[in-house]
C-alpha atoms as a PDB file:
ATOM      1  CA  MET A   1       0.000   0.000   0.000  1.00  0.00           C
ATOM      2  CA  MET A   2       1.012   3.578  -0.524  1.00  0.00           C
ATOM      3  CA  ILE A   3      -0.125   4.844   2.878  1.00  0.00           C
ATOM      4  CA  SER A   4       2.237   2.742   4.999  1.00  0.00           C
ATOM      5  CA  PRO A   5       5.473   4.408   3.750  1.00  0.00           C
ATOM      6  CA  VAL A   6       3.893   7.829   4.327  1.00  0.00           C
ATOM      7  CA  PHE A   7       3.081   6.928   7.943  1.00  0.00           C
ATOM      8  CA  ASP A   8       6.585   5.541   8.456  1.00  0.00           C
ATOM      9  CA  LEU A   9       8.095   8.739   7.067  1.00  0.00           C
ATOM     10  CA  MET A  10       5.906  10.945   9.287  1.00  0.00           C
ATOM     11  CA  SER A  11       6.689   8.832  12.348  1.00  0.00           C
ATOM     12  CA  ASN A  12      10.404   9.222  11.717  1.00  0.00           C
ATOM     13  CA  PHE A  13       9.938  12.944  11.017  1.00  0.00           C
ATOM     14  CA  THR A  14       8.196  13.334  14.386  1.00  0.00           C
ATOM     15  CA  LEU A  15      11.085  11.587  16.076  1.00  0.00           C
ATOM     16  CA  TYR A  16      13.593  13.933  14.400  1.00  0.00           C
ATOM     17  CA  LEU A  17      11.585  16.988  15.446  1.00  0.00           C
ATOM     18  CA  LEU A  18      11.495  15.674  19.005  1.00  0.00           C
ATOM     19  CA  PHE A  19      15.304  15.402  18.952  1.00  0.00           C
ATOM     20  CA  VAL A  20      15.534  19.020  17.772  1.00  0.00           C
ATOM     21  CA  ALA A  21      13.158  20.182  20.522  1.00  0.00           C
ATOM     22  CA  LEU A  22      15.097  18.141  23.068  1.00  0.00           C
ATOM     23  CA  GLY A  23      18.333  19.831  22.039  1.00  0.00           C
ATOM     24  CA  ILE A  24      16.807  23.312  22.247  1.00  0.00           C
ATOM     25  CA  PHE A  25      15.369  22.836  25.713  1.00  0.00           C
ATOM     26  CA  VAL A  26      18.488  21.111  27.076  1.00  0.00           C
ATOM     27  CA  TRP A  27      20.442  24.125  25.856  1.00  0.00           C
ATOM     28  CA  LEU A  28      17.953  26.533  27.508  1.00  0.00           C
ATOM     29  CA  ALA A  29      18.037  24.658  30.800  1.00  0.00           C
ATOM     30  CA  TRP A  30      21.830  24.464  30.741  1.00  0.00           C
ATOM     31  CA  HIS A  31      22.274  28.188  30.127  1.00  0.00           C
ATOM     32  CA  SER A  32      19.783  29.475  32.683  1.00  0.00           C
ATOM     33  CA  HIS A  33      22.270  28.788  35.567  1.00  0.00           C
ATOM     34  CA  ASN A  34      19.566  29.220  38.200  1.00  0.00           C
ATOM     35  CA  PRO A  35      17.168  26.401  39.115  1.00  0.00           C
ATOM     36  CA  ASN A  36      14.800  28.992  40.596  1.00  0.00           C
ATOM     37  CA  SER A  37      14.359  30.790  37.279  1.00  0.00           C
ATOM     38  CA  PHE A  38      11.145  30.295  35.378  1.00  0.00           C
ATOM     39  CA  ARG A  39      13.050  29.482  32.179  1.00  0.00           C
ATOM     40  CA  PHE A  40      14.883  26.598  33.866  1.00  0.00           C
ATOM     41  CA  GLN A  41      11.713  25.203  35.433  1.00  0.00           C
ATOM     42  CA  ILE A  42       9.704  25.357  32.217  1.00  0.00           C
ATOM     43  CA  SER A  43      12.606  23.791  30.309  1.00  0.00           C
ATOM     44  CA  ILE A  44      12.670  20.848  32.732  1.00  0.00           C
ATOM     45  CA  PHE A  45       8.891  20.473  32.387  1.00  0.00           C
ATOM     46  CA  ILE A  46       9.165  20.417  28.591  1.00  0.00           C
ATOM     47  CA  LEU A  47      12.086  17.962  28.706  1.00  0.00           C
ATOM     48  CA  ILE A  48       9.961  15.527  30.707  1.00  0.00           C
ATOM     49  CA  TRP A  49       7.065  16.087  28.309  1.00  0.00           C
ATOM     50  CA  ILE A  50       9.321  15.399  25.301  1.00  0.00           C
ATOM     51  CA  GLY A  51      10.515  12.224  27.042  1.00  0.00           C
ATOM     52  CA  GLY A  52       6.910  11.057  27.182  1.00  0.00           C
ATOM     53  CA  GLU A  53       6.512  11.824  23.485  1.00  0.00           C
ATOM     54  CA  PHE A  54       9.678   9.824  22.695  1.00  0.00           C
ATOM     55  CA  VAL A  55       8.314   6.807  24.512  1.00  0.00           C
ATOM     56  CA  THR A  56       4.917   7.106  22.816  1.00  0.00           C
ATOM     57  CA  THR A  57       6.443   7.568  19.345  1.00  0.00           C
ATOM     58  CA  LEU A  58       8.844   4.647  19.768  1.00  0.00           C
ATOM     59  CA  TYR A  59       6.009   2.419  20.976  1.00  0.00           C
ATOM     60  CA  GLU A  60       3.640   3.395  18.155  1.00  0.00           C
ATOM     61  CA  SER A  61       6.280   2.965  15.454  1.00  0.00           C
ATOM     62  CA  GLY A  62       7.253  -0.462  16.772  1.00  0.00           C
ATOM     63  CA  SER A  63      10.889   0.556  17.187  1.00  0.00           C
ATOM     64  CA  PHE A  64      10.963  -0.553  20.793  1.00  0.00           C
ATOM     65  CA  ASP A  65       9.069  -3.483  22.261  1.00  0.00           C
ATOM     66  CA  PHE A  66       7.581  -2.665  25.666  1.00  0.00           C
ATOM     67  CA  PRO A  67       6.201  -5.250  28.048  1.00  0.00           C
ATOM     68  CA  ILE A  68       2.407  -5.224  28.233  1.00  0.00           C
ATOM     69  CA  GLU A  69       2.533  -3.595  31.684  1.00  0.00           C
ATOM     70  CA  LEU A  70       4.327  -0.547  30.245  1.00  0.00           C
ATOM     71  CA  HIS A  71       2.272   0.132  27.128  1.00  0.00           C
ATOM     72  CA  ASP A  72       0.954   3.377  28.701  1.00  0.00           C
ATOM     73  CA  LEU A  73       4.376   4.548  29.871  1.00  0.00           C
ATOM     74  CA  GLY A  74       4.322   7.609  27.606  1.00  0.00           C
ATOM     75  CA  MET A  75       1.033   8.779  29.105  1.00  0.00           C
ATOM     76  CA  GLN A  76       2.355   8.223  32.621  1.00  0.00           C
ATOM     77  CA  ILE A  77       5.399  10.366  31.832  1.00  0.00           C
ATOM     78  CA  HIS A  78       3.024  13.044  30.509  1.00  0.00           C
ATOM     79  CA  LEU A  79       1.143  12.870  33.801  1.00  0.00           C
ATOM     80  CA  VAL A  80       4.388  13.422  35.726  1.00  0.00           C
ATOM     81  CA  SER A  81       5.182  16.466  33.588  1.00  0.00           C
ATOM     82  CA  MET A  82       1.710  17.937  34.171  1.00  0.00           C
ATOM     83  CA  ILE A  83       2.026  17.393  37.934  1.00  0.00           C
ATOM     84  CA  LEU A  84       5.409  19.150  37.806  1.00  0.00           C
ATOM     85  CA  PHE A  85       3.900  22.053  35.842  1.00  0.00           C
ATOM     86  CA  ALA A  86       1.022  22.430  38.303  1.00  0.00           C
ATOM     87  CA  SER A  87       3.491  22.317  41.195  1.00  0.00           C
ATOM     88  CA  ILE A  88       5.684  24.984  39.618  1.00  0.00           C
ATOM     89  CA  MET A  89       2.711  27.274  39.049  1.00  0.00           C
ATOM     90  CA  PHE A  90       1.333  26.694  42.548  1.00  0.00           C
ATOM     91  CA  VAL A  91       4.656  27.340  44.302  1.00  0.00           C
ATOM     92  CA  ARG A  92       5.330  30.466  42.233  1.00  0.00           C
ATOM     93  CA  PHE A  93       1.856  31.843  42.901  1.00  0.00           C
ATOM     94  CA  TYR A  94       1.950  30.924  46.592  1.00  0.00           C
ATOM     95  CA  SER A  95       5.389  32.464  47.166  1.00  0.00           C
ATOM     96  CA  SER A  96       4.462  35.690  45.360  1.00  0.00           C
ATOM     97  CA  TYR A  97       1.158  35.897  47.222  1.00  0.00           C
ATOM     98  CA  TRP A  98       2.723  35.559  50.671  1.00  0.00           C
ATOM     99  CA  SER A  99       5.645  37.855  49.926  1.00  0.00           C
ATOM    100  CA  GLY A 100       3.226  40.630  48.965  1.00  0.00           C
ATOM    101  CA  HIS A 101       4.386  40.852  45.362  1.00  0.00           C
ATOM    102  CA  LYS A 102       2.169  40.599  42.343  1.00  0.00           C
ATOM    103  CA  ILE A 103       3.136  38.192  39.616  1.00  0.00           C
ATOM    104  CA  VAL A 104       2.589  40.987  37.081  1.00  0.00           C
ATOM    105  CA  GLU A 105       2.767  44.517  38.464  1.00  0.00           C
ATOM    106  CA  SER A 106       1.111  46.304  35.570  1.00  0.00           C
ATOM    107  CA  LEU A 107       0.474  46.053  31.870  1.00  0.00           C
ATOM    108  CA  THR A 108       3.193  48.587  31.104  1.00  0.00           C
ATOM    109  CA  SER A 109       5.822  46.378  32.763  1.00  0.00           C
ATOM    110  CA  ILE A 110       4.882  43.584  30.372  1.00  0.00           C
ATOM    111  CA  LEU A 111       4.965  45.763  27.262  1.00  0.00           C
ATOM    112  CA  LYS A 112       8.439  47.222  27.957  1.00  0.00           C
END
């Protein structure tokens, strides 16, 4: 059939794009130098999310044979990344709330 090679090509293309995204966000996390910075925290979140996509893509393409107990491993990694994201947002909001600072002072500070 003609469709199967197209799906194989797109699956491999997705894997290559995931490698590019992985490289970009590893570079961003490496150069932020401060684990408390928002850029570092979001980069770690996205790295975990990309890891889940790698697992899902490898499983769907048949490149890696997972045991039956781990066939949802990609979705479980996505869940971990979403829990991390929610935790980051909660801690940042909570710390700014109790310190008396606003997360965004005014619209003009954003537009500068």
